[in-house]
Amino acid sequence: MKRTHLPLNALRVFDAAARHLSFTKAADELAVTPAAVGQQIRALEDTLGVVLFKRMTRNLELTPEAERALPALREGFRNFEESVRVLQDGQGSKVLTIAAPRDLTSKWLNARLARYAAANPDIRFVITPTEGVPDFTQANLDLALVYAGEPEEEGIHGRVLAGPDLLLLAAPGSSADAPRIAHPADALAPGLTVGDAGLAIDAAAAGLGTALVPALLAAADLAAGRVVAVGEVQAGPHSYWLIAPTPQWRQAKVRAIVEFLLSA
């Protein structure tokens, strides 16, 4: 019989009925009706072309063929259980490897990961800096946070972490007309040039000019009073996305951290 045609559910019912020598007790164990157990056994006997039980007046007895088959069947179930455990151990690892831009990591992500780790002390994080969509296969990543448009790569699924809102920031008391600090997401600004939007926020807080940055990055510094927003919210070309290859969204650890970050 081909593996794809193995009547695994019926074999499970057979194992339970053989242990109890009772359809009623097997039904209690499996949370089904005795009639359902009987139907599964009859269907299995029809499929295999053998009789598995002798129906006695008050109880059941295994046929010699069923007696001989049971040890191998139970060993098979033990092997199934071990293979499932191995699969879960592999993807149930307590290590989460995440790629994110440096400025997002320092200004937003680190604080949230610290809260998540406090509630899940067995979790360990590996953070890899990235700009743009990383190569998940090469980097062995679980998840990436990117500042980009909607993912278009085949096999990559994403959820929006934060929209395209941009804020113009300055140190408290500074003028909105101060020179703008340039960074890769605002490269045409005429003033001081820094390596990323996080450094632009720090430069603005130091009084070196204004910085036009994603609102998500600015939240902690605004709350701390290091900078203030000057002018209206602007719409930027990109959003922050949580992305991963589609199969990885089935991993419990990926789903858990994504839901946490989306609610943080």
C-alpha atoms as a PDB file:
ATOM      1  CA  MET A   1       0.000   0.000   0.000  1.00  0.00           C
ATOM      2  CA  LYS A   2       1.335   3.454  -0.939  1.00  0.00           C
ATOM      3  CA  ARG A   3       2.182   5.777   1.925  1.00  0.00           C
ATOM      4  CA  THR A   4      -0.299   8.320   0.656  1.00  0.00           C
ATOM      5  CA  HIS A   5      -3.039   5.693   1.007  1.00  0.00           C
ATOM      6  CA  LEU A   6      -2.220   4.575   4.539  1.00  0.00           C
ATOM      7  CA  PRO A   7      -5.414   4.754   6.648  1.00  0.00           C
ATOM      8  CA  LEU A   8      -3.618   6.433   9.552  1.00  0.00           C
ATOM      9  CA  ASN A   9      -6.716   7.575  11.423  1.00  0.00           C
ATOM     10  CA  ALA A  10      -8.274   4.126  11.245  1.00  0.00           C
ATOM     11  CA  LEU A  11      -4.991   2.556  12.410  1.00  0.00           C
ATOM     12  CA  ARG A  12      -5.028   4.908  15.389  1.00  0.00           C
ATOM     13  CA  VAL A  13      -8.573   3.757  16.209  1.00  0.00           C
ATOM     14  CA  PHE A  14      -7.464   0.127  15.844  1.00  0.00           C
ATOM     15  CA  ASP A  15      -4.597   0.692  18.298  1.00  0.00           C
ATOM     16  CA  ALA A  16      -6.964   2.209  20.893  1.00  0.00           C
ATOM     17  CA  ALA A  17      -9.535  -0.565  20.471  1.00  0.00           C
ATOM     18  CA  ALA A  18      -6.792  -3.209  20.754  1.00  0.00           C
ATOM     19  CA  ARG A  19      -5.481  -1.720  23.985  1.00  0.00           C
ATOM     20  CA  HIS A  20      -8.907  -1.591  25.604  1.00  0.00           C
ATOM     21  CA  LEU A  21     -10.482  -4.582  23.803  1.00  0.00           C
ATOM     22  CA  SER A  22     -13.574  -2.405  23.853  1.00  0.00           C
ATOM     23  CA  PHE A  23     -15.054  -0.061  21.264  1.00  0.00           C
ATOM     24  CA  THR A  24     -16.734   1.910  24.054  1.00  0.00           C
ATOM     25  CA  LYS A  25     -13.518   2.545  25.995  1.00  0.00           C
ATOM     26  CA  ALA A  26     -11.650   3.345  22.775  1.00  0.00           C
ATOM     27  CA  ALA A  27     -14.387   5.836  21.919  1.00  0.00           C
ATOM     28  CA  ASP A  28     -13.988   7.514  25.327  1.00  0.00           C
ATOM     29  CA  GLU A  29     -10.237   7.842  24.768  1.00  0.00           C
ATOM     30  CA  LEU A  30     -10.655   9.267  21.272  1.00  0.00           C
ATOM     31  CA  ALA A  31     -13.657  11.484  22.156  1.00  0.00           C
ATOM     32  CA  VAL A  32     -15.895   9.891  19.507  1.00  0.00           C
ATOM     33  CA  THR A  33     -18.891   7.579  19.655  1.00  0.00           C
ATOM     34  CA  PRO A  34     -18.627   3.781  19.883  1.00  0.00           C
ATOM     35  CA  ALA A  35     -20.469   3.619  16.553  1.00  0.00           C
ATOM     36  CA  ALA A  36     -17.735   5.776  14.949  1.00  0.00           C
ATOM     37  CA  VAL A  37     -15.072   3.410  16.301  1.00  0.00           C
ATOM     38  CA  GLY A  38     -16.964   0.427  14.898  1.00  0.00           C
ATOM     39  CA  GLN A  39     -17.273   2.111  11.488  1.00  0.00           C
ATOM     40  CA  GLN A  40     -13.538   2.863  11.390  1.00  0.00           C
ATOM     41  CA  ILE A  41     -12.657  -0.723  12.311  1.00  0.00           C
ATOM     42  CA  ARG A  42     -15.000  -2.171   9.682  1.00  0.00           C
ATOM     43  CA  ALA A  43     -13.606   0.208   7.044  1.00  0.00           C
ATOM     44  CA  LEU A  44     -10.047  -0.757   7.994  1.00  0.00           C
ATOM     45  CA  GLU A  45     -10.883  -4.465   7.782  1.00  0.00           C
ATOM     46  CA  ASP A  46     -12.422  -3.900   4.334  1.00  0.00           C
ATOM     47  CA  THR A  47      -9.370  -1.911   3.181  1.00  0.00           C
ATOM     48  CA  LEU A  48      -6.846  -4.460   4.435  1.00  0.00           C
ATOM     49  CA  GLY A  49      -8.905  -7.540   3.631  1.00  0.00           C
ATOM     50  CA  VAL A  50      -8.408  -9.019   7.094  1.00  0.00           C
ATOM     51  CA  VAL A  51     -10.444  -9.508  10.259  1.00  0.00           C
ATOM     52  CA  LEU A  52      -8.943  -7.654  13.212  1.00  0.00           C
ATOM     53  CA  PHE A  53     -11.293  -8.569  16.057  1.00  0.00           C
ATOM     54  CA  LYS A  54     -13.364 -11.563  17.019  1.00  0.00           C
ATOM     55  CA  ARG A  55     -16.662 -10.169  18.275  1.00  0.00           C
ATOM     56  CA  MET A  56     -17.497 -12.195  21.394  1.00  0.00           C
ATOM     57  CA  THR A  57     -20.700 -11.951  23.418  1.00  0.00           C
ATOM     58  CA  ARG A  58     -19.247  -9.695  26.112  1.00  0.00           C
ATOM     59  CA  ASN A  59     -15.926  -8.539  24.759  1.00  0.00           C
ATOM     60  CA  LEU A  60     -13.516  -8.428  21.838  1.00  0.00           C
ATOM     61  CA  GLU A  61     -10.545 -10.620  21.047  1.00  0.00           C
ATOM     62  CA  LEU A  62      -7.721  -9.836  18.656  1.00  0.00           C
ATOM     63  CA  THR A  63      -7.204 -12.168  15.740  1.00  0.00           C
ATOM     64  CA  PRO A  64      -3.715 -13.708  15.405  1.00  0.00           C
ATOM     65  CA  GLU A  65      -2.982 -11.393  12.449  1.00  0.00           C
ATOM     66  CA  ALA A  66      -3.885  -8.344  14.530  1.00  0.00           C
ATOM     67  CA  GLU A  67      -1.741  -9.575  17.439  1.00  0.00           C
ATOM     68  CA  ARG A  68       1.289  -9.937  15.158  1.00  0.00           C
ATOM     69  CA  ALA A  69       0.778  -6.523  13.564  1.00  0.00           C
ATOM     70  CA  LEU A  70       0.363  -4.468  16.735  1.00  0.00           C
ATOM     71  CA  PRO A  71       4.049  -4.232  17.852  1.00  0.00           C
ATOM     72  CA  ALA A  72       5.131  -2.836  14.464  1.00  0.00           C
ATOM     73  CA  LEU A  73       2.138  -0.484  14.374  1.00  0.00           C
ATOM     74  CA  ARG A  74       2.919   0.905  17.825  1.00  0.00           C
ATOM     75  CA  GLU A  75       6.581   1.290  16.944  1.00  0.00           C
ATOM     76  CA  GLY A  76       5.456   3.206  13.872  1.00  0.00           C
ATOM     77  CA  PHE A  77       3.366   5.568  15.988  1.00  0.00           C
ATOM     78  CA  ARG A  78       6.336   6.116  18.295  1.00  0.00           C
ATOM     79  CA  ASN A  79       8.447   6.970  15.249  1.00  0.00           C
ATOM     80  CA  PHE A  80       5.770   9.399  14.048  1.00  0.00           C
ATOM     81  CA  GLU A  81       5.774  11.096  17.451  1.00  0.00           C
ATOM     82  CA  GLU A  82       9.565  11.355  17.416  1.00  0.00           C
ATOM     83  CA  SER A  83       9.583  12.836  13.910  1.00  0.00           C
ATOM     84  CA  VAL A  84       7.003  15.439  14.962  1.00  0.00           C
ATOM     85  CA  ARG A  85       9.109  16.290  18.014  1.00  0.00           C
ATOM     86  CA  VAL A  86      12.200  16.734  15.814  1.00  0.00           C
ATOM     87  CA  LEU A  87      10.287  19.010  13.451  1.00  0.00           C
ATOM     88  CA  GLN A  88       8.947  21.111  16.322  1.00  0.00           C
ATOM     89  CA  ASP A  89      12.349  21.321  17.983  1.00  0.00           C
ATOM     90  CA  GLY A  90      13.891  22.564  14.759  1.00  0.00           C
ATOM     91  CA  GLN A  91      11.394  25.347  14.176  1.00  0.00           C
ATOM     92  CA  GLY A  92      10.557  25.758  17.844  1.00  0.00           C
ATOM     93  CA  SER A  93      14.047  27.072  18.481  1.00  0.00           C
ATOM     94  CA  LYS A  94      14.204  29.779  21.102  1.00  0.00           C
ATOM     95  CA  VAL A  95      16.523  31.864  18.895  1.00  0.00           C
ATOM     96  CA  LEU A  96      14.961  34.544  16.677  1.00  0.00           C
ATOM     97  CA  THR A  97      17.201  35.927  13.942  1.00  0.00           C
ATOM     98  CA  ILE A  98      15.928  39.306  12.806  1.00  0.00           C
ATOM     99  CA  ALA A  99      17.283  41.717  10.206  1.00  0.00           C
ATOM    100  CA  ALA A 100      16.523  45.423  10.619  1.00  0.00           C
ATOM    101  CA  PRO A 101      18.014  48.807   9.688  1.00  0.00           C
ATOM    102  CA  ARG A 102      20.434  50.114  12.323  1.00  0.00           C
ATOM    103  CA  ASP A 103      18.402  53.239  13.023  1.00  0.00           C
ATOM    104  CA  LEU A 104      15.166  51.295  13.496  1.00  0.00           C
ATOM    105  CA  THR A 105      16.974  48.874  15.817  1.00  0.00           C
ATOM    106  CA  SER A 106      18.407  51.604  18.030  1.00  0.00           C
ATOM    107  CA  LYS A 107      15.437  53.965  18.028  1.00  0.00           C
ATOM    108  CA  TRP A 108      12.527  51.521  18.191  1.00  0.00           C
ATOM    109  CA  LEU A 109      13.209  47.794  18.003  1.00  0.00           C
ATOM    110  CA  ASN A 110      15.640  47.270  20.895  1.00  0.00           C
ATOM    111  CA  ALA A 111      13.212  48.588  23.500  1.00  0.00           C
ATOM    112  CA  ARG A 112      10.441  46.302  22.270  1.00  0.00           C
ATOM    113  CA  LEU A 113      12.663  43.246  22.113  1.00  0.00           C
ATOM    114  CA  ALA A 114      13.722  43.936  25.694  1.00  0.00           C
ATOM    115  CA  ARG A 115      10.067  43.910  26.778  1.00  0.00           C
ATOM    116  CA  TYR A 116       9.401  40.732  24.822  1.00  0.00           C
ATOM    117  CA  ALA A 117      12.458  39.036  26.325  1.00  0.00           C
ATOM    118  CA  ALA A 118      11.364  40.022  29.833  1.00  0.00           C
ATOM    119  CA  ALA A 119       8.067  38.215  29.266  1.00  0.00           C
ATOM    120  CA  ASN A 120       9.768  35.311  27.438  1.00  0.00           C
ATOM    121  CA  PRO A 121      13.090  34.770  29.238  1.00  0.00           C
ATOM    122  CA  ASP A 122      13.993  31.674  27.192  1.00  0.00           C
ATOM    123  CA  ILE A 123      14.063  33.674  23.938  1.00  0.00           C
ATOM    124  CA  ARG A 124      17.390  34.838  22.486  1.00  0.00           C
ATOM    125  CA  PHE A 125      17.685  37.353  19.661  1.00  0.00           C
ATOM    126  CA  VAL A 126      20.248  37.663  16.895  1.00  0.00           C
ATOM    127  CA  ILE A 127      19.958  41.065  15.200  1.00  0.00           C
ATOM    128  CA  THR A 128      21.496  41.575  11.762  1.00  0.00           C
ATOM    129  CA  PRO A 129      21.729  45.039  10.185  1.00  0.00           C
ATOM    130  CA  THR A 130      20.152  45.361   6.763  1.00  0.00           C
ATOM    131  CA  GLU A 131      19.184  47.989   4.239  1.00  0.00           C
ATOM    132  CA  GLY A 132      16.456  46.832   1.898  1.00  0.00           C
ATOM    133  CA  VAL A 133      15.078  43.327   1.507  1.00  0.00           C
ATOM    134  CA  PRO A 134      17.680  40.771   2.657  1.00  0.00           C
ATOM    135  CA  ASP A 135      18.435  37.344   1.210  1.00  0.00           C
ATOM    136  CA  PHE A 136      16.597  35.132   3.704  1.00  0.00           C
ATOM    137  CA  THR A 137      18.223  31.917   2.531  1.00  0.00           C
ATOM    138  CA  GLN A 138      21.774  33.180   2.742  1.00  0.00           C
ATOM    139  CA  ALA A 139      21.322  34.974   6.042  1.00  0.00           C
ATOM    140  CA  ASN A 140      19.214  32.224   7.702  1.00  0.00           C
ATOM    141  CA  LEU A 141      16.748  34.841   8.927  1.00  0.00           C
ATOM    142  CA  ASP A 142      13.418  34.312  10.644  1.00  0.00           C
ATOM    143  CA  LEU A 143      12.083  37.821  10.006  1.00  0.00           C
ATOM    144  CA  ALA A 144      13.130  41.172   8.580  1.00  0.00           C
ATOM    145  CA  LEU A 145      11.990  44.731   9.226  1.00  0.00           C
ATOM    146  CA  VAL A 146      12.482  46.940   6.186  1.00  0.00           C
ATOM    147  CA  TYR A 147      11.754  50.490   5.117  1.00  0.00           C
ATOM    148  CA  ALA A 148      10.400  49.968   1.625  1.00  0.00           C
ATOM    149  CA  GLY A 149       7.375  49.710  -0.612  1.00  0.00           C
ATOM    150  CA  GLU A 150       5.031  46.736  -0.504  1.00  0.00           C
ATOM    151  CA  PRO A 151       7.056  43.524  -0.990  1.00  0.00           C
ATOM    152  CA  GLU A 152       7.028  42.389  -4.602  1.00  0.00           C
ATOM    153  CA  GLU A 153       9.527  39.533  -4.363  1.00  0.00           C
ATOM    154  CA  GLU A 154       7.966  36.163  -5.156  1.00  0.00           C
ATOM    155  CA  GLY A 155       7.470  34.058  -2.051  1.00  0.00           C
ATOM    156  CA  ILE A 156       7.863  36.993   0.377  1.00  0.00           C
ATOM    157  CA  HIS A 157       4.896  37.951   2.542  1.00  0.00           C
ATOM    158  CA  GLY A 158       4.708  41.178   4.548  1.00  0.00           C
ATOM    159  CA  ARG A 159       2.635  43.080   7.071  1.00  0.00           C
ATOM    160  CA  VAL A 160       2.766  46.831   7.538  1.00  0.00           C
ATOM    161  CA  LEU A 161       4.426  47.862  10.780  1.00  0.00           C
ATOM    162  CA  ALA A 162       4.073  51.631  10.355  1.00  0.00           C
ATOM    163  CA  GLY A 163       2.790  53.840   7.558  1.00  0.00           C
ATOM    164  CA  PRO A 164       4.607  56.443   5.491  1.00  0.00           C
ATOM    165  CA  ASP A 165       4.229  59.412   7.876  1.00  0.00           C
ATOM    166  CA  LEU A 166       7.277  61.669   8.073  1.00  0.00           C
ATOM    167  CA  LEU A 167       7.949  64.325  10.730  1.00  0.00           C
ATOM    168  CA  LEU A 168      10.235  67.324  10.599  1.00  0.00           C
ATOM    169  CA  LEU A 169      12.084  67.475  13.916  1.00  0.00           C
ATOM    170  CA  ALA A 170      14.179  70.069  15.653  1.00  0.00           C
ATOM    171  CA  ALA A 171      15.612  70.654  19.094  1.00  0.00           C
ATOM    172  CA  PRO A 172      13.182  72.395  21.483  1.00  0.00           C
ATOM    173  CA  GLY A 173      13.297  76.124  20.827  1.00  0.00           C
ATOM    174  CA  SER A 174      14.980  75.724  17.410  1.00  0.00           C
ATOM    175  CA  SER A 175      13.585  77.251  14.252  1.00  0.00           C
ATOM    176  CA  ALA A 176      11.837  75.199  11.632  1.00  0.00           C
ATOM    177  CA  ASP A 177      13.904  77.149   9.114  1.00  0.00           C
ATOM    178  CA  ALA A 178      17.206  75.728  10.352  1.00  0.00           C
ATOM    179  CA  PRO A 179      19.228  73.832   7.718  1.00  0.00           C
ATOM    180  CA  ARG A 180      17.951  70.337   7.070  1.00  0.00           C
ATOM    181  CA  ILE A 181      20.143  67.394   8.023  1.00  0.00           C
ATOM    182  CA  ALA A 182      20.675  64.975   5.149  1.00  0.00           C
ATOM    183  CA  HIS A 183      20.532  61.194   5.522  1.00  0.00           C
ATOM    184  CA  PRO A 184      19.886  58.306   3.091  1.00  0.00           C
ATOM    185  CA  ALA A 185      16.094  58.659   3.315  1.00  0.00           C
ATOM    186  CA  ASP A 186      16.349  62.448   2.779  1.00  0.00           C
ATOM    187  CA  ALA A 187      19.518  62.675   0.748  1.00  0.00           C
ATOM    188  CA  LEU A 188      18.757  65.968  -1.019  1.00  0.00           C
ATOM    189  CA  ALA A 189      18.680  67.988   2.181  1.00  0.00           C
ATOM    190  CA  PRO A 190      21.305  70.766   1.954  1.00  0.00           C
ATOM    191  CA  GLY A 191      22.816  70.737   5.446  1.00  0.00           C
ATOM    192  CA  LEU A 192      24.905  68.319   7.499  1.00  0.00           C
ATOM    193  CA  THR A 193      24.968  64.734   6.160  1.00  0.00           C
ATOM    194  CA  VAL A 194      24.742  61.711   8.485  1.00  0.00           C
ATOM    195  CA  GLY A 195      24.555  57.954   7.943  1.00  0.00           C
ATOM    196  CA  ASP A 196      20.924  57.230   8.787  1.00  0.00           C
ATOM    197  CA  ALA A 197      17.685  58.721  10.057  1.00  0.00           C
ATOM    198  CA  GLY A 198      18.471  57.802  13.657  1.00  0.00           C
ATOM    199  CA  LEU A 199      21.671  59.829  13.552  1.00  0.00           C
ATOM    200  CA  ALA A 200      19.701  62.651  11.941  1.00  0.00           C
ATOM    201  CA  ILE A 201      17.373  62.685  14.963  1.00  0.00           C
ATOM    202  CA  ASP A 202      20.365  62.853  17.306  1.00  0.00           C
ATOM    203  CA  ALA A 203      21.901  65.665  15.270  1.00  0.00           C
ATOM    204  CA  ALA A 204      18.627  67.586  15.357  1.00  0.00           C
ATOM    205  CA  ALA A 205      18.422  67.078  19.135  1.00  0.00           C
ATOM    206  CA  ALA A 206      21.932  68.542  19.391  1.00  0.00           C
ATOM    207  CA  GLY A 207      20.765  71.685  17.609  1.00  0.00           C
ATOM    208  CA  LEU A 208      22.510  71.002  14.296  1.00  0.00           C
ATOM    209  CA  GLY A 209      19.405  71.556  12.175  1.00  0.00           C
ATOM    210  CA  THR A 210      16.093  69.908  11.347  1.00  0.00           C
ATOM    211  CA  ALA A 211      15.572  66.299  10.337  1.00  0.00           C
ATOM    212  CA  LEU A 212      12.809  64.850   8.216  1.00  0.00           C
ATOM    213  CA  VAL A 213      12.411  61.264   9.440  1.00  0.00           C
ATOM    214  CA  PRO A 214       9.828  58.453   9.655  1.00  0.00           C
ATOM    215  CA  ALA A 215       7.420  59.080  12.513  1.00  0.00           C
ATOM    216  CA  LEU A 216       8.030  55.603  13.953  1.00  0.00           C
ATOM    217  CA  LEU A 217      11.697  56.418  14.572  1.00  0.00           C
ATOM    218  CA  ALA A 218      10.902  59.700  16.248  1.00  0.00           C
ATOM    219  CA  ALA A 219       8.395  58.463  18.838  1.00  0.00           C
ATOM    220  CA  ALA A 220      10.774  57.836  21.752  1.00  0.00           C
ATOM    221  CA  ASP A 221      12.750  61.062  21.278  1.00  0.00           C
ATOM    222  CA  LEU A 222       9.548  63.080  21.002  1.00  0.00           C
ATOM    223  CA  ALA A 223       8.204  61.483  24.174  1.00  0.00           C
ATOM    224  CA  ALA A 224      11.480  62.225  25.976  1.00  0.00           C
ATOM    225  CA  GLY A 225      11.397  65.872  24.879  1.00  0.00           C
ATOM    226  CA  ARG A 226      14.756  65.638  23.062  1.00  0.00           C
ATOM    227  CA  VAL A 227      13.114  66.942  19.884  1.00  0.00           C
ATOM    228  CA  VAL A 228       9.856  68.527  18.839  1.00  0.00           C
ATOM    229  CA  ALA A 229       7.876  68.247  15.633  1.00  0.00           C
ATOM    230  CA  VAL A 230       7.856  71.413  13.543  1.00  0.00           C
ATOM    231  CA  GLY A 231       5.385  71.645  10.688  1.00  0.00           C
ATOM    232  CA  GLU A 232       2.773  69.209   9.450  1.00  0.00           C
ATOM    233  CA  VAL A 233       2.992  65.456   9.036  1.00  0.00           C
ATOM    234  CA  GLN A 234       4.184  64.591   5.541  1.00  0.00           C
ATOM    235  CA  ALA A 235       3.624  61.455   3.480  1.00  0.00           C
ATOM    236  CA  GLY A 236       6.816  59.601   2.624  1.00  0.00           C
ATOM    237  CA  PRO A 237       7.501  57.176  -0.234  1.00  0.00           C
ATOM    238  CA  HIS A 238       7.873  54.088   1.973  1.00  0.00           C
ATOM    239  CA  SER A 239       6.482  52.296   5.014  1.00  0.00           C
ATOM    240  CA  TYR A 240       8.025  49.975   7.579  1.00  0.00           C
ATOM    241  CA  TRP A 241       7.221  46.336   6.828  1.00  0.00           C
ATOM    242  CA  LEU A 242       7.638  43.048   8.649  1.00  0.00           C
ATOM    243  CA  ILE A 243       8.565  40.510   5.969  1.00  0.00           C
ATOM    244  CA  ALA A 244       9.511  36.847   5.726  1.00  0.00           C
ATOM    245  CA  PRO A 245       9.218  34.006   3.209  1.00  0.00           C
ATOM    246  CA  THR A 246       5.632  32.793   3.198  1.00  0.00           C
ATOM    247  CA  PRO A 247       6.334  29.376   4.839  1.00  0.00           C
ATOM    248  CA  GLN A 248       8.054  31.040   7.809  1.00  0.00           C
ATOM    249  CA  TRP A 249       4.833  32.776   8.810  1.00  0.00           C
ATOM    250  CA  ARG A 250       3.643  29.330   9.925  1.00  0.00           C
ATOM    251  CA  GLN A 251       6.301  29.196  12.634  1.00  0.00           C
ATOM    252  CA  ALA A 252       4.854  29.875  16.067  1.00  0.00           C
ATOM    253  CA  LYS A 253       7.856  31.957  17.155  1.00  0.00           C
ATOM    254  CA  VAL A 254       7.570  34.212  14.079  1.00  0.00           C
ATOM    255  CA  ARG A 255       3.831  34.706  14.502  1.00  0.00           C
ATOM    256  CA  ALA A 256       4.263  35.508  18.199  1.00  0.00           C
ATOM    257  CA  ILE A 257       6.943  38.178  17.736  1.00  0.00           C
ATOM    258  CA  VAL A 258       5.082  39.734  14.784  1.00  0.00           C
ATOM    259  CA  GLU A 259       1.859  40.086  16.769  1.00  0.00           C
ATOM    260  CA  PHE A 260       3.816  41.579  19.659  1.00  0.00           C
ATOM    261  CA  LEU A 261       5.597  44.127  17.470  1.00  0.00           C
ATOM    262  CA  LEU A 262       2.379  45.119  15.752  1.00  0.00           C
ATOM    263  CA  SER A 263       0.724  45.771  19.105  1.00  0.00           C
ATOM    264  CA  ALA A 264       3.752  47.390  20.795  1.00  0.00           C
END
